[in-house]
Every structure is written in C-alpha cells, then in structure tokens.
Amino acid sequence: MSCTSCFYNTFSKSEKTSSFSKTIFFSAPKKVRYTLSPLDTQSKQFHTFNFSHPTYPITFPWISSTAYKFKKNLSNKVLTLLYLKNKNSTSNTTIILSHSFDKNIGTIYNTMIDLCSMLKVNVISYEYTAIPKNDRITIEDNVTSDLENVIDFSIKHLSLSLENIFLMSLSYGSIPTISVASNEFYQDISGVILIKPIAYGYFLCNRDASSNCFLPELESEYDSTYQAMKITSNVFIVHGEDNEHISIE
C-alpha cells in the first residue's frame, strides 16, 4: 500500500481540496469481469441488458437479473446498475448496495444473490463513475451523485419509492450512503445499514487516526460522523474490533 502520508505539507492551499480526494484510490480495483448482453428496449432514457457472471450463475428461478445503463443528470457520464428482483417477495422492499472502492458489481454479485435470496428482497448495486483527469469534482461528491442518480432512476423506472428502499454500504460505500441518507430530500428511506463504515475517506490513506495531517477545512465536508447526525432513518452499524485497516475508533 503506497499513499501520500501528509497532504498538509505536500500541497499548497489552492491545491488541497482537489488533491486530497483523488489520492484515495491507492490500489487497483479487484474487479471480476461480467457480460452485458443488450436487450431490445424502446426507451431513449436508458439501455437494458441481460447480466451474466462467469462464476455465479443464478440458480434460483425466482430471481431475475437486469442491468441498466443511463446517463447521470447534467452529465455525459454513464452509470451501470444491476437490479436483482425477487419474484417471491410480497413487498417491494429493495436494498441499494454501495460497495467498497476496490470492488465492482462482478465482485459482490454473490453477496447480492445471498441478500436477495435469504432476505426475500430486491437488491441493486452500481458501478462508480470515473473522474476525468482534469475534472475538479472530488471523489466524495462524484460517488454521492452516483447514488443519488441510482435512487432517482429506481423511483422513476423501477417503480420503487423511498419508503421501499434501504441503503446498505460496505466500507468506502458508506461515504455516499451517509451523505445521501443525511440529505433531507431522501429522509423518507426505510433505513441505513453500514458495514465497516469509515469516518473519513482520508482514513483509507492513513491508518493513524490521530494524525494531524487531515486538513481542517475538509473536516466538515467529508466528515461522515457529522453527516450521520442528520440522518432521521434507522441506522444499523456493523464493524469488527480487530479490523486491521480501519480501527473501530
């Protein structure tokens, strides 16, 4: 693991905000390839695909998998979303899963299947969009807008409502999850499930939580602890006391 240990002494003040978040992705994503086969669709707003996984084929006839590609609002970036629907579900309860930064839909597909089958709910996950080299948007803002677009798409095109939706995250996925759940526009979601969440994206780059390297002007903007205080939905947190990467503190 290699990363910049002290941003405060490395960058000038004008560079701090843009440099901070772009250094978070310090390791190559452990991606698993999957196949999207186009389906006929009349919609001009999105494209529909069959999803197939090389290792975990769906063996449950009551689970259907459909992938969608659509453009983000006010952007040319394309979001990829995978929707697993449990046909035996008596409700339209749906978990929207935001994965960790080193994963993709292919990597967490088996987790999605387990959630869909055992909990008898629908499950959605999505790919984070990339940030062009010269784009000034931060990673935190980018992934938050990704999740907002996924929710909006689910309501508009998958017949979901905020009351049907639970937001679930793994590690880095807690950043967009907490940010969206704390937004008053999304306060009607059913609940939030945070698995090994992080207080700051910064902690992924520096294991020393007591370090003084964190920039004071970034604290409130990227402080998930501060944002979480504004969530009005039920919140369930799971974290390991012996987590070697992110301490429970």
Protein backbone atom coordinates (compact mmCIF):
# COMPACT_ATOMS: atom_id res chain seq x y z
CA MET A 1 0.00 0.00 0.00
CA SER A 2 1.51 3.31 -1.05
CA CYS A 3 -0.02 6.69 -0.45
CA THR A 4 0.77 10.26 0.45
CA SER A 5 1.20 10.42 4.21
CA CYS A 6 0.79 14.14 4.80
CA PHE A 7 -1.27 16.28 2.47
CA TYR A 8 -0.87 19.43 4.55
CA ASN A 9 2.86 19.73 3.96
CA THR A 10 2.77 18.44 0.39
CA PHE A 11 0.27 20.71 -1.34
CA SER A 12 -0.28 24.43 -1.41
CA LYS A 13 -3.57 25.75 -0.05
CA SER A 14 -5.07 26.19 -3.51
CA GLU A 15 -4.41 22.53 -4.30
CA LYS A 16 -5.59 20.90 -1.09
CA THR A 17 -9.21 20.15 -1.91
CA SER A 18 -8.63 18.76 -5.39
CA SER A 19 -5.56 16.73 -4.43
CA PHE A 20 -6.99 15.17 -1.27
CA SER A 21 -9.78 13.09 -2.67
CA LYS A 22 -8.04 11.98 -5.85
CA THR A 23 -5.39 10.12 -3.86
CA ILE A 24 -7.89 7.89 -2.07
CA PHE A 25 -7.92 5.22 -4.76
CA PHE A 26 -4.45 3.95 -3.88
CA SER A 27 -4.83 0.33 -5.03
CA ALA A 28 -6.08 -1.25 -8.23
CA PRO A 29 -9.70 -2.45 -8.02
CA LYS A 30 -10.06 -6.22 -7.67
CA LYS A 31 -12.61 -6.48 -10.44
CA VAL A 32 -14.40 -9.53 -11.75
CA ARG A 33 -15.49 -9.34 -15.36
CA TYR A 34 -19.11 -9.91 -16.27
CA THR A 35 -21.06 -9.85 -19.51
CA LEU A 36 -23.86 -7.49 -20.52
CA SER A 37 -25.95 -8.64 -23.49
CA PRO A 38 -28.17 -5.90 -24.99
CA LEU A 39 -31.94 -6.35 -24.83
CA ASP A 40 -34.45 -4.69 -27.12
CA THR A 41 -35.87 -1.59 -25.48
CA GLN A 42 -37.90 1.33 -26.72
CA SER A 43 -36.64 3.70 -24.05
CA LYS A 44 -34.48 6.63 -25.11
CA GLN A 45 -33.54 7.35 -21.49
CA PHE A 46 -31.66 4.11 -20.74
CA HIS A 47 -30.46 0.82 -22.22
CA THR A 48 -31.35 -2.62 -20.84
CA PHE A 49 -29.07 -5.66 -20.68
CA ASN A 50 -29.02 -9.31 -19.66
CA PHE A 51 -26.37 -9.84 -16.99
CA SER A 52 -24.21 -12.96 -16.81
CA HIS A 53 -21.45 -13.80 -14.34
CA PRO A 54 -18.61 -16.25 -15.08
CA THR A 55 -18.64 -17.88 -11.63
CA TYR A 56 -22.02 -17.31 -10.01
CA PRO A 57 -24.85 -18.13 -12.40
CA ILE A 58 -28.30 -17.56 -10.95
CA THR A 59 -29.76 -20.94 -9.96
CA PHE A 60 -32.89 -19.55 -8.36
CA PRO A 61 -35.81 -19.32 -10.82
CA TRP A 62 -37.48 -16.72 -8.60
CA ILE A 63 -34.62 -14.22 -9.06
CA SER A 64 -34.32 -12.17 -12.23
CA SER A 65 -31.29 -10.02 -13.06
CA THR A 66 -31.39 -6.99 -15.33
CA ALA A 67 -28.70 -4.41 -15.92
CA TYR A 68 -29.29 -0.83 -17.00
CA LYS A 69 -27.06 1.88 -18.41
CA PHE A 70 -28.13 5.51 -18.29
CA LYS A 71 -26.58 8.97 -18.27
CA LYS A 72 -26.20 10.84 -15.00
CA ASN A 73 -28.19 14.02 -14.63
CA LEU A 74 -26.38 17.06 -16.04
CA SER A 75 -23.51 14.85 -17.14
CA ASN A 76 -22.29 12.72 -20.04
CA LYS A 77 -21.10 10.02 -17.64
CA VAL A 78 -22.88 6.66 -17.94
CA LEU A 79 -23.97 4.74 -14.85
CA THR A 80 -24.25 0.94 -14.83
CA LEU A 81 -26.84 -0.50 -12.46
CA LEU A 82 -27.67 -4.16 -11.71
CA TYR A 83 -31.16 -4.96 -10.43
CA LEU A 84 -31.92 -8.35 -8.85
CA LYS A 85 -35.64 -8.83 -8.37
CA ASN A 86 -37.01 -11.49 -6.01
CA LYS A 87 -40.27 -12.65 -7.57
CA ASN A 88 -41.34 -14.30 -4.29
CA SER A 89 -41.16 -11.07 -2.35
CA THR A 90 -44.52 -9.95 -1.00
CA SER A 91 -43.31 -6.35 -0.81
CA ASN A 92 -41.23 -4.13 -3.00
CA THR A 93 -38.50 -3.76 -0.36
CA THR A 94 -35.17 -3.09 -2.06
CA ILE A 95 -31.60 -2.81 -0.77
CA ILE A 96 -29.33 -0.43 -2.68
CA LEU A 97 -25.79 -1.63 -2.00
CA SER A 98 -22.82 0.74 -2.33
CA HIS A 99 -19.70 -1.43 -2.49
CA SER A 100 -16.16 -0.70 -1.34
CA PHE A 101 -13.77 1.23 -3.61
CA ASP A 102 -11.80 -1.87 -4.74
CA LYS A 103 -14.86 -3.87 -5.81
CA ASN A 104 -17.33 -3.85 -8.68
CA ILE A 105 -20.65 -5.50 -9.48
CA GLY A 106 -18.88 -8.69 -10.54
CA THR A 107 -17.03 -8.96 -7.24
CA ILE A 108 -20.07 -8.51 -4.99
CA TYR A 109 -22.55 -10.36 -7.20
CA ASN A 110 -22.61 -13.41 -4.92
CA THR A 111 -23.35 -11.10 -1.95
CA MET A 112 -26.24 -9.59 -3.89
CA ILE A 113 -27.61 -13.07 -4.61
CA ASP A 114 -27.38 -14.04 -0.92
CA LEU A 115 -29.20 -10.87 0.20
CA CYS A 116 -31.87 -11.28 -2.45
CA SER A 117 -32.48 -14.96 -1.69
CA MET A 118 -32.22 -15.08 2.11
CA LEU A 119 -33.92 -11.79 2.94
CA LYS A 120 -36.51 -12.08 0.14
CA VAL A 121 -35.85 -8.54 -1.04
CA ASN A 122 -34.78 -6.90 -4.28
CA VAL A 123 -31.15 -5.80 -4.48
CA ILE A 124 -29.50 -3.07 -6.54
CA SER A 125 -25.84 -2.25 -6.90
CA TYR A 126 -23.97 0.00 -9.29
CA GLU A 127 -20.56 0.98 -10.62
CA TYR A 128 -18.97 4.23 -9.50
CA THR A 129 -18.32 6.54 -12.43
CA ALA A 130 -14.78 7.61 -13.23
CA ILE A 131 -13.46 11.13 -12.80
CA PRO A 132 -11.61 12.61 -15.81
CA LYS A 133 -8.07 13.67 -15.04
CA ASN A 134 -8.76 17.40 -15.25
CA ASP A 135 -12.19 17.31 -13.61
CA ARG A 136 -12.39 19.41 -10.45
CA ILE A 137 -15.12 17.32 -8.79
CA THR A 138 -13.99 15.36 -5.73
CA ILE A 139 -14.38 11.60 -5.43
CA GLU A 140 -16.77 12.05 -2.50
CA ASP A 141 -19.04 14.38 -4.48
CA ASN A 142 -18.83 12.10 -7.51
CA VAL A 143 -19.89 8.88 -5.74
CA THR A 144 -22.61 10.74 -3.83
CA SER A 145 -24.12 11.97 -7.10
CA ASP A 146 -23.82 8.38 -8.44
CA LEU A 147 -26.00 7.07 -5.61
CA GLU A 148 -28.48 9.94 -5.94
CA ASN A 149 -28.87 9.12 -9.64
CA VAL A 150 -29.35 5.40 -8.87
CA ILE A 151 -32.12 6.20 -6.39
CA ASP A 152 -33.81 8.61 -8.78
CA PHE A 153 -33.64 6.04 -11.60
CA SER A 154 -35.08 3.34 -9.33
CA ILE A 155 -38.04 5.51 -8.39
CA LYS A 156 -38.72 6.67 -11.93
CA HIS A 157 -38.13 3.46 -13.90
CA LEU A 158 -38.24 0.53 -11.43
CA SER A 159 -41.44 1.57 -9.62
CA LEU A 160 -39.76 1.95 -6.22
CA SER A 161 -40.46 4.57 -3.59
CA LEU A 162 -38.19 5.93 -0.87
CA GLU A 163 -40.25 4.03 1.70
CA ASN A 164 -39.29 0.77 -0.06
CA ILE A 165 -35.56 1.47 -0.02
CA PHE A 166 -32.82 0.51 2.42
CA LEU A 167 -29.35 1.93 1.78
CA MET A 168 -26.55 -0.53 2.56
CA SER A 169 -22.81 0.06 2.30
CA LEU A 170 -19.51 -1.78 2.54
CA SER A 171 -16.50 0.24 3.78
CA TYR A 172 -15.90 3.14 1.36
CA GLY A 173 -19.51 2.85 0.18
CA SER A 174 -20.51 4.44 3.49
CA ILE A 175 -19.36 7.82 2.15
CA PRO A 176 -22.12 8.19 -0.50
CA THR A 177 -24.60 6.25 1.66
CA ILE A 178 -24.29 8.53 4.68
CA SER A 179 -24.14 11.65 2.51
CA VAL A 180 -27.37 10.74 0.71
CA ALA A 181 -29.19 9.50 3.83
CA SER A 182 -28.40 12.79 5.60
CA ASN A 183 -29.90 14.79 2.73
CA GLU A 184 -33.38 15.96 3.71
CA PHE A 185 -34.62 15.11 0.20
CA TYR A 186 -34.02 11.40 0.94
CA GLN A 187 -35.13 11.36 4.59
CA ASP A 188 -38.05 9.01 3.84
CA ILE A 189 -35.87 5.98 3.09
CA SER A 190 -36.64 2.98 5.31
CA GLY A 191 -33.21 2.61 6.88
CA VAL A 192 -29.44 2.58 6.60
CA ILE A 193 -27.08 -0.40 7.07
CA LEU A 194 -23.39 0.45 7.43
CA ILE A 195 -20.88 -2.43 7.36
CA LYS A 196 -17.35 -1.41 8.46
CA PRO A 197 -18.02 2.27 7.64
CA ILE A 198 -15.35 4.96 7.68
CA ALA A 199 -15.46 8.37 9.32
CA TYR A 200 -13.37 9.94 6.55
CA GLY A 201 -12.22 8.79 3.15
CA TYR A 202 -8.87 10.04 4.41
CA PHE A 203 -8.57 7.05 6.76
CA LEU A 204 -8.13 4.80 3.74
CA CYS A 205 -4.86 6.61 3.04
CA ASN A 206 -3.51 6.93 6.56
CA ARG A 207 -4.08 4.29 9.23
CA ASP A 208 -3.03 6.65 12.01
CA ALA A 209 -6.38 8.15 13.03
CA SER A 210 -4.60 10.54 15.42
CA SER A 211 -2.52 12.10 12.64
CA ASN A 212 -2.63 15.89 12.29
CA CYS A 213 -2.35 15.65 8.53
CA PHE A 214 -6.08 15.95 7.95
CA LEU A 215 -6.96 19.38 6.63
CA PRO A 216 -9.28 21.36 8.95
CA GLU A 217 -11.17 22.97 6.06
CA LEU A 218 -12.09 19.50 4.73
CA GLU A 219 -13.31 18.16 8.05
CA SER A 220 -16.98 19.18 7.94
CA GLU A 221 -17.39 18.44 4.23
CA TYR A 222 -16.04 14.87 4.33
CA ASP A 223 -16.84 14.02 7.95
CA SER A 224 -19.33 11.14 7.79
CA THR A 225 -19.74 11.33 11.57
CA TYR A 226 -21.04 14.89 11.27
CA GLN A 227 -23.33 13.99 8.36
CA ALA A 228 -24.67 10.87 10.10
CA MET A 229 -26.07 13.03 12.89
CA LYS A 230 -28.57 14.43 10.38
CA ILE A 231 -29.98 11.02 9.38
CA THR A 232 -33.54 10.53 10.63
CA SER A 233 -33.98 6.94 9.39
CA ASN A 234 -32.99 3.93 11.49
CA VAL A 235 -29.25 3.17 11.24
CA PHE A 236 -27.58 -0.20 11.87
CA ILE A 237 -23.77 -0.28 12.12
CA VAL A 238 -21.52 -3.36 11.94
CA HIS A 239 -17.76 -3.15 12.49
CA GLY A 240 -15.02 -5.53 13.64
CA GLU A 241 -12.99 -4.62 16.72
CA ASP A 242 -9.90 -6.22 15.17
CA ASN A 243 -10.20 -4.62 11.75
CA GLU A 244 -6.57 -4.17 10.61
CA HIS A 245 -7.30 -1.41 8.06
CA ILE A 246 -9.83 0.83 9.79
CA SER A 247 -9.87 0.91 13.58
CA ILE A 248 -13.22 0.91 15.35
CA GLU A 249 -12.38 4.37 16.71
